[in-house]
Amino acid sequence: MIKDTLINEMEKIGFCWNVGSWQEAILDYVVGSKLTEKYDLEGYYVVVPSKKSFNVLKDKKNVEVAPNFMDKPDNFSYKRYNDYDLPENLTFELLRFSDLVLREMPRKKAFRIIENYLSFWDDFFDKHENIKFIVTYPTGGIIGRAAYCIAKKRNIYYFTIDVVGDRALISDINENNANKKLIDIYELYKKNSELSDGERQNVLSYVNSFKNKGAMLCIPDNPTKNINRRFKTLLSLLSFDDKCPWAKRHVIFKDYAKRVYGYFIGKYKIKYDKIRKEEKFVFFPLHLAFDMQVLVRSPFYFNHAELVNSIALALPKDIKIYVKEHPGWIGGGTPLEQMKKIKKIEKVRVIDPSINSHDLIKNSEAVITIASTTGWEAFLYEKTVITFGNAFYSYSDLVYIPERIEQIPKLIKAVLENKKHYTDNKKLWESFIYAVLEASFFANTVVYLKVNDKLNKIEAEKIAKALYDTYQYNLKDENHIQK
């Protein structure tokens, strides 16, 4: 008994990285190596069932391949799960909905696959009891979602790396894209403390830098580059030396054809509207149809057309709603059927997606969003924000969140009448931005790292430090609560 206790005390703290694509595998292992070297942790890597992903890590230590249950769902599970085994905010239906492949399958088969992955993670954590936190990117894929369900049940921290404009945030309140440290700092300064002159200057410098750079997410100068880039992606997918388990090749071709149709044909059917200088409007940026901010964090607002119609009904008669497609996927990010429905709503103008969002934000009466980065941009411009979903900036007292759809008319009237929303609450505005800067870090998490690239190793070190600091912060907070 004493011997077992000593072994447990000497056992290294473990972390697990849920690896997706082969490009992510490169990044994940570089960051993971920094965690093991600098912080003396033990890393484990679970990769999706793709030969290309596995080949990146096959000679490394502690690499395990998640089984592919998509084609043969009955080959593994010996455990049964029901909805009450999941976190309280999740159901099997929601897990199926957030995975783009499972939602196209018959329900019975999809639920069996979900059970298989829940079993896989239960077994994995049984084998590696020293794992204290798991890392992934925001994902609706069932491998990552099942990991979240089992990790939460076992009180294992589950961290996601979220992009916040030109910064990154380690989300540890996973369904809400939030960070405990961010919230704690904000609450501290909101109630008891004042920002120093230096801290306030850092906030203002960040805001001014943001305004000078332009939109955080912008389209290329030539929108057809989107199509060219997707064609190259298509070719790379078809050249895989192993089958892609998530989509058959004819499905990939069909998807690409829809994107091309959406851009070259769909935009003429939609007929984008022009901005009218004399017109009052609120700005509603559309999410991508497969955006994890919607599928995972705000699934009940998936139908953009219905939500836009509800907003239009709630607006005063002299105010329009300007809608713009996501700049990352013009003509395909929002299904054409939904775009047609949105276009038919009387108070709506569908704006050309090449228009810079900053111009729309600055000239709008308010920005209404599900959980878009545009909401954060509007906040930095001191523009009133209403958000329906779970975004990190919705923790600010200056962001309006309707509890029910019926509250929208009353809320919008209050918002439009209050012209001193930020002027009267300057301290809250500065305190929240300061909290975001303190809790986030500048690091390029979207570039696929190369092991021998010196600059990228420096970036990986930043990510590793942020992950370790987040783990330590959660551990300290947990110990404080227990005392």
Protein backbone atom coordinates (compact mmCIF):
# COMPACT_ATOMS: atom_id res chain seq x y z
CA MET A 1 0.00 0.00 0.00
CA ILE A 2 2.83 2.40 0.95
CA LYS A 3 4.70 1.42 -2.21
CA ASP A 4 1.64 2.14 -4.40
CA THR A 5 1.24 5.54 -2.74
CA LEU A 6 4.86 6.45 -3.46
CA ILE A 7 4.49 5.40 -7.09
CA ASN A 8 1.37 7.55 -7.46
CA GLU A 9 3.14 10.54 -5.92
CA MET A 10 6.06 10.15 -8.32
CA GLU A 11 3.84 9.68 -11.36
CA LYS A 12 4.02 12.54 -13.83
CA ILE A 13 0.98 14.66 -14.52
CA GLY A 14 -0.36 13.67 -17.91
CA PHE A 15 -2.15 15.58 -20.63
CA CYS A 16 -3.86 14.31 -23.75
CA TRP A 17 -4.10 16.03 -27.12
CA ASN A 18 -7.07 15.12 -29.29
CA VAL A 19 -5.43 15.36 -32.72
CA GLY A 20 -7.42 16.08 -35.88
CA SER A 21 -5.84 16.65 -39.29
CA TRP A 22 -2.24 15.78 -40.17
CA GLN A 23 -1.41 19.51 -40.18
CA GLU A 24 -2.77 19.81 -36.65
CA ALA A 25 -0.71 16.77 -35.69
CA ILE A 26 2.49 18.70 -36.47
CA LEU A 27 1.39 21.66 -34.35
CA ASP A 28 0.10 19.48 -31.53
CA TYR A 29 3.29 17.50 -31.14
CA VAL A 30 5.53 20.59 -31.17
CA VAL A 31 3.42 22.24 -28.46
CA GLY A 32 3.14 18.95 -26.56
CA SER A 33 6.93 18.54 -26.65
CA LYS A 34 7.29 21.96 -25.03
CA LEU A 35 4.88 20.89 -22.27
CA THR A 36 6.88 17.72 -21.58
CA GLU A 37 10.32 19.37 -21.77
CA LYS A 38 9.69 22.55 -19.84
CA TYR A 39 6.99 21.51 -17.38
CA ASP A 40 7.88 17.83 -16.91
CA LEU A 41 4.47 16.53 -17.97
CA GLU A 42 3.69 13.31 -19.82
CA GLY A 43 1.91 13.71 -23.13
CA TYR A 44 -0.52 11.37 -24.87
CA TYR A 45 -1.88 11.83 -28.37
CA VAL A 46 -5.13 10.44 -29.73
CA VAL A 47 -5.44 10.82 -33.49
CA VAL A 48 -8.44 10.47 -35.74
CA PRO A 49 -8.51 7.30 -37.88
CA SER A 50 -6.49 8.73 -40.74
CA LYS A 51 -3.26 7.17 -41.99
CA LYS A 52 -1.83 10.57 -42.86
CA SER A 53 -2.39 11.93 -39.35
CA PHE A 54 -0.96 8.79 -37.80
CA ASN A 55 2.14 8.85 -40.05
CA VAL A 56 3.11 12.24 -38.61
CA LEU A 57 3.19 10.80 -35.09
CA LYS A 58 3.75 7.04 -35.55
CA ASP A 59 7.36 7.08 -34.31
CA LYS A 60 6.54 9.26 -31.32
CA LYS A 61 5.81 8.16 -27.77
CA ASN A 62 2.29 7.61 -26.38
CA VAL A 63 0.38 7.85 -29.66
CA GLU A 64 -2.93 6.03 -29.97
CA VAL A 65 -5.27 5.91 -32.97
CA ALA A 66 -8.98 6.29 -32.31
CA PRO A 67 -10.91 3.47 -34.04
CA ASN A 68 -13.01 4.29 -37.08
CA PHE A 69 -16.58 3.34 -36.24
CA MET A 70 -18.18 5.19 -39.14
CA ASP A 71 -18.38 2.18 -41.46
CA LYS A 72 -18.65 -0.59 -38.84
CA PRO A 73 -20.40 0.79 -35.76
CA ASP A 74 -21.09 -2.63 -34.18
CA ASN A 75 -17.48 -3.78 -33.92
CA PHE A 76 -16.50 -2.29 -30.58
CA SER A 77 -18.83 -1.07 -27.88
CA TYR A 78 -19.57 -3.22 -24.87
CA LYS A 79 -21.06 -0.34 -22.89
CA ARG A 80 -24.41 1.33 -23.18
CA TYR A 81 -24.96 5.01 -22.48
CA ASN A 82 -28.05 7.16 -22.22
CA ASP A 83 -28.68 10.88 -22.11
CA TYR A 84 -28.31 11.00 -18.33
CA ASP A 85 -24.70 9.83 -18.65
CA LEU A 86 -23.88 13.02 -20.57
CA PRO A 87 -23.22 16.51 -19.17
CA GLU A 88 -26.50 18.18 -18.22
CA ASN A 89 -26.44 20.56 -21.19
CA LEU A 90 -26.05 17.77 -23.78
CA THR A 91 -28.16 15.02 -25.33
CA PHE A 92 -27.45 12.33 -27.90
CA GLU A 93 -29.49 14.37 -30.38
CA LEU A 94 -27.22 17.41 -29.87
CA LEU A 95 -24.07 15.30 -30.25
CA ARG A 96 -25.40 13.91 -33.52
CA PHE A 97 -26.43 17.38 -34.70
CA SER A 98 -22.97 18.91 -34.16
CA ASP A 99 -21.17 16.23 -36.21
CA LEU A 100 -21.59 16.91 -39.93
CA VAL A 101 -21.32 13.22 -40.84
CA LEU A 102 -23.47 11.70 -38.09
CA ARG A 103 -26.37 14.04 -38.80
CA GLU A 104 -26.65 12.51 -42.29
CA MET A 105 -26.79 8.95 -40.91
CA PRO A 106 -29.83 7.05 -39.62
CA ARG A 107 -30.37 7.96 -35.98
CA LYS A 108 -29.92 4.44 -34.61
CA LYS A 109 -26.56 3.99 -36.35
CA ALA A 110 -25.39 7.47 -35.32
CA PHE A 111 -26.25 6.85 -31.67
CA ARG A 112 -24.36 3.55 -31.73
CA ILE A 113 -21.27 5.33 -33.05
CA ILE A 114 -21.57 7.95 -30.29
CA GLU A 115 -21.71 5.15 -27.70
CA ASN A 116 -18.61 3.59 -29.23
CA TYR A 117 -16.59 6.79 -28.86
CA LEU A 118 -17.83 7.33 -25.32
CA SER A 119 -16.62 3.79 -24.56
CA PHE A 120 -13.30 4.47 -26.26
CA TRP A 121 -12.62 7.51 -24.08
CA ASP A 122 -13.78 5.75 -20.92
CA ASP A 123 -11.26 2.98 -21.62
CA PHE A 124 -8.54 5.46 -22.57
CA PHE A 125 -8.83 7.39 -19.31
CA ASP A 126 -8.94 4.10 -17.35
CA LYS A 127 -5.59 3.16 -18.90
CA HIS A 128 -4.03 6.58 -18.32
CA GLU A 129 -5.19 7.69 -14.90
CA ASN A 130 -2.50 10.36 -14.63
CA ILE A 131 -4.15 12.52 -17.33
CA LYS A 132 -5.34 15.76 -15.76
CA PHE A 133 -6.29 17.77 -18.83
CA ILE A 134 -7.12 17.25 -22.49
CA VAL A 135 -6.48 19.76 -25.28
CA THR A 136 -8.24 20.21 -28.60
CA TYR A 137 -9.56 22.83 -31.00
CA PRO A 138 -13.23 23.86 -31.07
CA THR A 139 -14.86 20.94 -32.85
CA GLY A 140 -18.24 19.38 -33.47
CA GLY A 141 -16.63 16.09 -34.47
CA ILE A 142 -17.82 13.23 -32.31
CA ILE A 143 -14.33 12.12 -31.26
CA GLY A 144 -13.69 15.48 -29.59
CA ARG A 145 -17.23 15.84 -28.26
CA ALA A 146 -17.18 12.35 -26.74
CA ALA A 147 -13.85 13.21 -25.09
CA TYR A 148 -15.49 16.28 -23.56
CA CYS A 149 -18.39 14.23 -22.17
CA ILE A 150 -16.17 11.65 -20.49
CA ALA A 151 -13.60 14.20 -19.30
CA LYS A 152 -16.30 16.26 -17.63
CA LYS A 153 -17.75 13.17 -15.94
CA ARG A 154 -14.30 12.31 -14.56
CA ASN A 155 -13.41 15.91 -13.58
CA ILE A 156 -10.61 16.08 -16.13
CA TYR A 157 -10.02 19.60 -17.43
CA TYR A 158 -10.94 20.07 -21.08
CA PHE A 159 -9.20 22.98 -22.82
CA THR A 160 -9.86 24.35 -26.30
CA ILE A 161 -7.66 26.82 -28.17
CA ASP A 162 -9.92 29.60 -29.44
CA VAL A 163 -8.91 32.46 -31.71
CA VAL A 164 -9.80 35.96 -30.45
CA GLY A 165 -8.95 38.21 -33.37
CA ASP A 166 -5.15 38.33 -33.47
CA ARG A 167 -4.88 36.62 -30.09
CA ALA A 168 -5.68 33.19 -28.67
CA LEU A 169 -7.63 32.20 -25.59
CA ILE A 170 -7.53 28.87 -23.77
CA SER A 171 -11.20 28.19 -23.09
CA ASP A 172 -11.76 26.21 -19.92
CA ILE A 173 -15.51 26.84 -19.67
CA ASN A 174 -15.95 24.87 -22.82
CA GLU A 175 -19.54 25.30 -23.90
CA ASN A 176 -19.23 29.06 -23.44
CA ASN A 177 -15.92 29.89 -25.14
CA ALA A 178 -14.78 31.46 -21.86
CA ASN A 179 -11.83 31.52 -19.51
CA LYS A 180 -11.99 31.55 -15.69
CA LYS A 181 -9.01 33.86 -15.36
CA LEU A 182 -10.63 36.37 -17.72
CA ILE A 183 -13.83 36.39 -15.68
CA ASP A 184 -11.98 36.63 -12.35
CA ILE A 185 -9.85 39.59 -13.48
CA TYR A 186 -12.90 41.36 -14.85
CA GLU A 187 -14.87 40.84 -11.64
CA LEU A 188 -11.94 42.10 -9.57
CA TYR A 189 -11.52 45.34 -11.50
CA LYS A 190 -15.25 45.83 -11.93
CA LYS A 191 -15.92 45.80 -8.19
CA ASN A 192 -12.80 46.82 -6.33
CA SER A 193 -9.93 48.06 -8.43
CA GLU A 194 -9.02 50.79 -10.86
CA LEU A 195 -6.76 50.28 -13.84
CA SER A 196 -3.40 51.97 -13.47
CA ASP A 197 -2.36 54.57 -16.03
CA GLY A 198 -0.10 51.98 -17.66
CA GLU A 199 -2.84 49.35 -17.82
CA ARG A 200 -5.30 51.84 -19.26
CA GLN A 201 -2.73 52.87 -21.86
CA ASN A 202 -2.26 49.22 -22.88
CA VAL A 203 -6.01 48.92 -23.40
CA LEU A 204 -6.22 52.06 -25.52
CA SER A 205 -3.15 51.05 -27.55
CA TYR A 206 -4.75 47.69 -28.32
CA VAL A 207 -8.03 49.30 -29.36
CA ASN A 208 -6.29 51.86 -31.59
CA SER A 209 -4.14 49.14 -33.16
CA PHE A 210 -7.24 47.08 -33.87
CA LYS A 211 -9.00 50.01 -35.54
CA ASN A 212 -5.99 50.76 -37.73
CA LYS A 213 -5.61 47.15 -38.90
CA GLY A 214 -9.12 46.74 -40.27
CA ALA A 215 -11.39 43.73 -39.86
CA MET A 216 -10.03 40.75 -37.94
CA LEU A 217 -11.50 38.46 -40.59
CA CYS A 218 -11.48 39.83 -44.12
CA ILE A 219 -11.82 38.34 -47.58
CA PRO A 220 -8.99 38.35 -50.15
CA ASP A 221 -8.85 41.28 -52.58
CA ASN A 222 -10.08 38.93 -55.29
CA PRO A 223 -13.00 36.82 -53.95
CA THR A 224 -12.34 34.10 -56.53
CA LYS A 225 -9.24 33.19 -54.53
CA ASN A 226 -11.67 31.49 -52.16
CA ILE A 227 -12.71 29.15 -54.95
CA ASN A 228 -9.13 28.57 -56.10
CA ARG A 229 -8.09 27.72 -52.57
CA ARG A 230 -10.95 25.26 -52.20
CA PHE A 231 -10.04 23.59 -55.50
CA LYS A 232 -6.51 23.00 -54.19
CA THR A 233 -8.01 21.58 -51.00
CA LEU A 234 -10.18 19.29 -53.10
CA LEU A 235 -7.15 17.98 -55.00
CA SER A 236 -5.24 17.36 -51.78
CA LEU A 237 -8.18 15.42 -50.33
CA LEU A 238 -8.46 13.25 -53.42
CA SER A 239 -4.72 12.54 -53.42
CA PHE A 240 -4.77 10.96 -49.95
CA ASP A 241 -3.13 7.56 -49.94
CA ASP A 242 -5.81 6.40 -47.53
CA LYS A 243 -9.54 6.77 -47.55
CA CYS A 244 -10.94 9.76 -45.74
CA PRO A 245 -13.28 8.21 -43.12
CA TRP A 246 -15.37 11.33 -42.77
CA ALA A 247 -16.58 11.71 -46.36
CA LYS A 248 -16.72 9.66 -49.55
CA ARG A 249 -15.08 11.17 -52.62
CA HIS A 250 -18.36 11.76 -54.44
CA VAL A 251 -19.56 13.70 -51.38
CA ILE A 252 -16.43 15.88 -51.51
CA PHE A 253 -17.03 16.59 -55.21
CA LYS A 254 -20.68 17.38 -54.55
CA ASP A 255 -19.76 19.76 -51.74
CA TYR A 256 -17.20 21.57 -53.90
CA ALA A 257 -19.71 21.88 -56.76
CA LYS A 258 -22.18 23.50 -54.36
CA ARG A 259 -19.53 26.05 -53.31
CA VAL A 260 -18.76 26.95 -56.92
CA TYR A 261 -22.46 27.21 -57.73
CA GLY A 262 -23.06 29.32 -54.63
CA TYR A 263 -20.39 31.83 -55.59
CA PHE A 264 -20.74 32.16 -59.35
CA ILE A 265 -24.49 31.59 -59.68
CA GLY A 266 -25.95 32.07 -56.22
CA LYS A 267 -24.69 35.61 -55.74
CA TYR A 268 -26.56 36.72 -58.86
CA LYS A 269 -29.74 35.11 -57.60
CA ILE A 270 -29.36 36.81 -54.24
CA LYS A 271 -28.52 40.20 -55.78
CA TYR A 272 -26.60 41.99 -53.07
CA ASP A 273 -27.98 45.30 -51.82
CA LYS A 274 -26.03 48.52 -51.55
CA ILE A 275 -25.53 50.51 -48.37
CA ARG A 276 -27.83 53.53 -48.21
CA LYS A 277 -26.31 56.44 -46.35
CA GLU A 278 -29.61 57.90 -45.16
CA GLU A 279 -30.81 54.58 -43.73
CA LYS A 280 -30.72 53.47 -40.09
CA PHE A 281 -29.85 49.82 -39.60
CA VAL A 282 -28.65 47.13 -37.22
CA PHE A 283 -25.93 44.80 -38.47
CA PHE A 284 -26.31 41.00 -38.29
CA PRO A 285 -23.24 39.02 -39.50
CA LEU A 286 -23.99 35.48 -40.62
CA HIS A 287 -22.04 32.52 -39.28
CA LEU A 288 -20.77 29.68 -41.41
CA ALA A 289 -23.32 26.89 -41.49
CA PHE A 290 -20.76 24.52 -39.94
CA ASP A 291 -19.29 27.05 -37.47
CA MET A 292 -18.59 25.41 -34.10
CA GLN A 293 -19.75 28.60 -32.38
CA VAL A 294 -23.21 27.64 -33.62
CA LEU A 295 -23.16 23.83 -33.91
CA VAL A 296 -21.58 23.29 -30.48
CA ARG A 297 -22.07 26.45 -28.45
CA SER A 298 -25.36 27.82 -29.80
CA PRO A 299 -27.15 24.96 -31.62
CA PHE A 300 -30.65 26.31 -31.02
CA TYR A 301 -29.86 29.32 -33.24
CA PHE A 302 -28.72 27.22 -36.20
CA ASN A 303 -31.51 28.44 -38.48
CA HIS A 304 -30.28 31.92 -39.42
CA ALA A 305 -33.35 32.72 -41.54
CA GLU A 306 -35.74 32.20 -38.61
CA LEU A 307 -33.58 34.28 -36.28
CA VAL A 308 -33.22 37.13 -38.79
CA ASN A 309 -36.99 37.14 -39.26
CA SER A 310 -37.52 37.37 -35.48
CA ILE A 311 -35.09 40.30 -35.27
CA ALA A 312 -36.80 42.04 -38.19
CA LEU A 313 -40.18 41.74 -36.45
CA ALA A 314 -38.70 43.28 -33.30
CA LEU A 315 -37.17 46.35 -34.97
CA PRO A 316 -38.83 49.78 -35.08
CA LYS A 317 -40.41 50.49 -38.47
CA ASP A 318 -37.70 52.96 -39.57
CA ILE A 319 -34.75 50.61 -38.97
CA LYS A 320 -33.51 47.96 -41.39
CA ILE A 321 -31.39 44.91 -40.71
CA TYR A 322 -28.20 44.59 -42.76
CA VAL A 323 -27.06 40.99 -43.21
CA LYS A 324 -23.67 39.93 -44.55
CA GLU A 325 -22.25 36.52 -45.40
CA HIS A 326 -19.20 35.24 -43.57
CA PRO A 327 -16.11 36.49 -45.45
CA GLY A 328 -14.40 33.12 -45.20
CA TRP A 329 -16.82 31.27 -47.47
CA ILE A 330 -18.71 33.52 -49.85
CA GLY A 331 -21.55 31.80 -51.66
CA GLY A 332 -21.36 28.65 -49.56
CA GLY A 333 -20.99 29.49 -45.89
CA THR A 334 -24.74 29.94 -45.53
CA PRO A 335 -26.93 27.54 -47.56
CA LEU A 336 -28.44 29.21 -50.62
CA GLU A 337 -31.94 28.17 -49.51
CA GLN A 338 -31.49 30.12 -46.26
CA MET A 339 -30.04 33.11 -48.11
CA LYS A 340 -33.12 33.21 -50.36
CA LYS A 341 -35.42 33.16 -47.33
CA ILE A 342 -33.42 35.94 -45.66
CA LYS A 343 -33.52 38.02 -48.85
CA LYS A 344 -37.33 37.81 -48.93
CA ILE A 345 -37.74 39.36 -45.47
CA GLU A 346 -38.97 42.91 -46.07
CA LYS A 347 -36.75 44.80 -43.63
CA VAL A 348 -33.57 42.96 -44.67
CA ARG A 349 -30.80 44.10 -46.96
CA VAL A 350 -28.22 41.46 -47.89
CA ILE A 351 -24.96 43.38 -48.21
CA ASP A 352 -22.12 42.45 -50.55
CA PRO A 353 -19.66 40.41 -48.43
CA SER A 354 -16.72 42.33 -49.89
CA ILE A 355 -17.82 45.36 -47.82
CA ASN A 356 -15.56 45.79 -44.79
CA SER A 357 -17.39 44.90 -41.58
CA HIS A 358 -15.81 47.87 -39.81
CA ASP A 359 -17.74 50.28 -42.02
CA LEU A 360 -20.98 48.49 -41.19
CA ILE A 361 -20.21 48.40 -37.46
CA LYS A 362 -19.36 52.10 -37.27
CA ASN A 363 -22.49 53.20 -39.12
CA SER A 364 -24.94 50.81 -37.46
CA GLU A 365 -27.31 51.52 -34.59
CA ALA A 366 -26.27 48.23 -32.97
CA VAL A 367 -24.69 44.87 -33.81
CA ILE A 368 -26.79 41.76 -33.24
CA THR A 369 -25.05 38.40 -33.46
CA ILE A 370 -25.17 34.79 -32.33
CA ALA A 371 -21.54 34.64 -31.18
CA SER A 372 -19.51 36.12 -34.03
CA THR A 373 -16.08 37.75 -33.73
CA THR A 374 -17.86 40.79 -35.16
CA GLY A 375 -19.50 41.19 -31.75
CA TRP A 376 -16.06 41.62 -30.18
CA GLU A 377 -15.09 44.08 -32.91
CA ALA A 378 -18.26 46.08 -32.23
CA PHE A 379 -17.46 46.07 -28.51
CA LEU A 380 -14.04 47.57 -29.25
CA TYR A 381 -15.77 50.27 -31.31
CA GLU A 382 -18.05 50.96 -28.31
CA LYS A 383 -21.03 49.91 -30.36
CA THR A 384 -24.00 48.29 -28.62
CA VAL A 385 -23.92 44.48 -28.92
CA ILE A 386 -26.76 41.98 -28.53
CA THR A 387 -25.71 38.34 -28.56
CA PHE A 388 -27.87 35.20 -28.52
CA GLY A 389 -25.14 32.61 -28.17
CA ASN A 390 -22.19 31.89 -25.91
CA ALA A 391 -19.18 34.08 -26.65
CA PHE A 392 -16.34 35.16 -24.38
CA TYR A 393 -17.35 38.83 -24.68
CA SER A 394 -20.90 38.07 -23.54
CA TYR A 395 -19.52 37.98 -19.98
CA SER A 396 -19.18 41.75 -20.12
CA ASP A 397 -21.99 43.65 -18.38
CA LEU A 398 -22.14 45.91 -21.43
CA VAL A 399 -23.31 43.15 -23.78
CA TYR A 400 -27.04 42.47 -23.93
CA ILE A 401 -28.24 38.84 -23.84
CA PRO A 402 -31.96 38.10 -24.29
CA GLU A 403 -33.13 35.24 -22.10
CA ARG A 404 -36.08 34.50 -24.38
CA ILE A 405 -36.90 35.36 -27.97
CA GLU A 406 -39.98 37.26 -26.75
CA GLN A 407 -37.71 39.79 -25.03
CA ILE A 408 -36.18 41.03 -28.27
CA PRO A 409 -38.61 43.93 -29.02
CA LYS A 410 -38.29 45.39 -25.51
CA LEU A 411 -34.53 44.87 -25.48
CA ILE A 412 -33.96 46.49 -28.89
CA LYS A 413 -36.02 49.54 -27.92
CA ALA A 414 -33.98 49.94 -24.74
CA VAL A 415 -30.73 49.55 -26.68
CA LEU A 416 -31.64 52.11 -29.33
CA GLU A 417 -32.78 54.66 -26.75
CA ASN A 418 -29.64 54.40 -24.61
CA LYS A 419 -27.07 56.55 -26.43
CA LYS A 420 -24.70 56.77 -23.44
CA HIS A 421 -24.24 53.05 -22.93
CA TYR A 422 -20.44 53.15 -23.12
CA THR A 423 -19.94 56.78 -22.08
CA ASP A 424 -21.53 56.09 -18.70
CA ASN A 425 -19.69 52.79 -18.26
CA LYS A 426 -16.15 53.54 -19.39
CA LYS A 427 -14.62 51.67 -16.46
CA LEU A 428 -16.51 48.46 -17.30
CA TRP A 429 -15.46 48.70 -20.94
CA GLU A 430 -11.77 49.23 -20.14
CA SER A 431 -11.78 46.58 -17.41
CA PHE A 432 -13.18 43.90 -19.69
CA ILE A 433 -10.71 44.61 -22.49
CA TYR A 434 -7.88 44.55 -19.96
CA ALA A 435 -9.12 41.18 -18.65
CA VAL A 436 -9.17 39.76 -22.19
CA LEU A 437 -5.60 40.96 -22.82
CA GLU A 438 -4.40 39.45 -19.54
CA ALA A 439 -6.12 36.10 -20.11
CA SER A 440 -5.25 35.72 -23.80
CA PHE A 441 -1.93 35.71 -25.63
CA PHE A 442 -0.56 36.68 -29.01
CA ALA A 443 0.29 33.49 -30.87
CA ASN A 444 -0.37 32.20 -34.35
CA THR A 445 -2.33 29.03 -33.67
CA VAL A 446 -3.73 28.75 -37.18
CA VAL A 447 -0.37 28.26 -38.90
CA TYR A 448 0.61 24.60 -39.18
CA LEU A 449 3.96 24.41 -37.48
CA LYS A 450 7.11 22.74 -38.78
CA VAL A 451 9.29 21.07 -36.20
CA ASN A 452 12.53 22.70 -37.39
CA ASP A 453 11.16 26.19 -37.80
CA LYS A 454 12.74 28.37 -35.08
CA LEU A 455 10.03 31.03 -35.16
CA ASN A 456 7.25 28.46 -34.91
CA LYS A 457 8.97 26.82 -31.95
CA ILE A 458 8.77 30.17 -30.19
CA GLU A 459 5.07 30.35 -31.02
CA ALA A 460 4.60 26.79 -29.74
CA GLU A 461 6.29 27.76 -26.49
CA LYS A 462 3.72 30.52 -25.99
CA ILE A 463 0.85 28.09 -26.51
CA ALA A 464 2.43 25.53 -24.17
CA LYS A 465 2.91 28.16 -21.46
CA ALA A 466 -0.70 29.31 -21.83
CA LEU A 467 -1.97 25.73 -21.50
CA TYR A 468 0.15 25.03 -18.43
CA ASP A 469 -0.79 28.35 -16.80
CA THR A 470 -4.48 27.62 -17.44
CA TYR A 471 -4.12 24.19 -15.83
CA GLN A 472 -2.35 25.68 -12.80
CA TYR A 473 -4.96 28.44 -12.50
CA ASN A 474 -7.80 25.90 -12.53
CA LEU A 475 -5.97 23.72 -10.02
CA LYS A 476 -5.40 26.68 -7.69
CA ASP A 477 -9.04 27.71 -8.01
CA GLU A 478 -10.20 24.14 -7.28
CA ASN A 479 -7.99 23.88 -4.18
CA HIS A 480 -9.27 27.25 -2.95
CA ILE A 481 -12.89 26.08 -3.29
CA GLN A 482 -12.15 22.83 -1.44
CA LYS A 483 -10.60 24.74 1.47
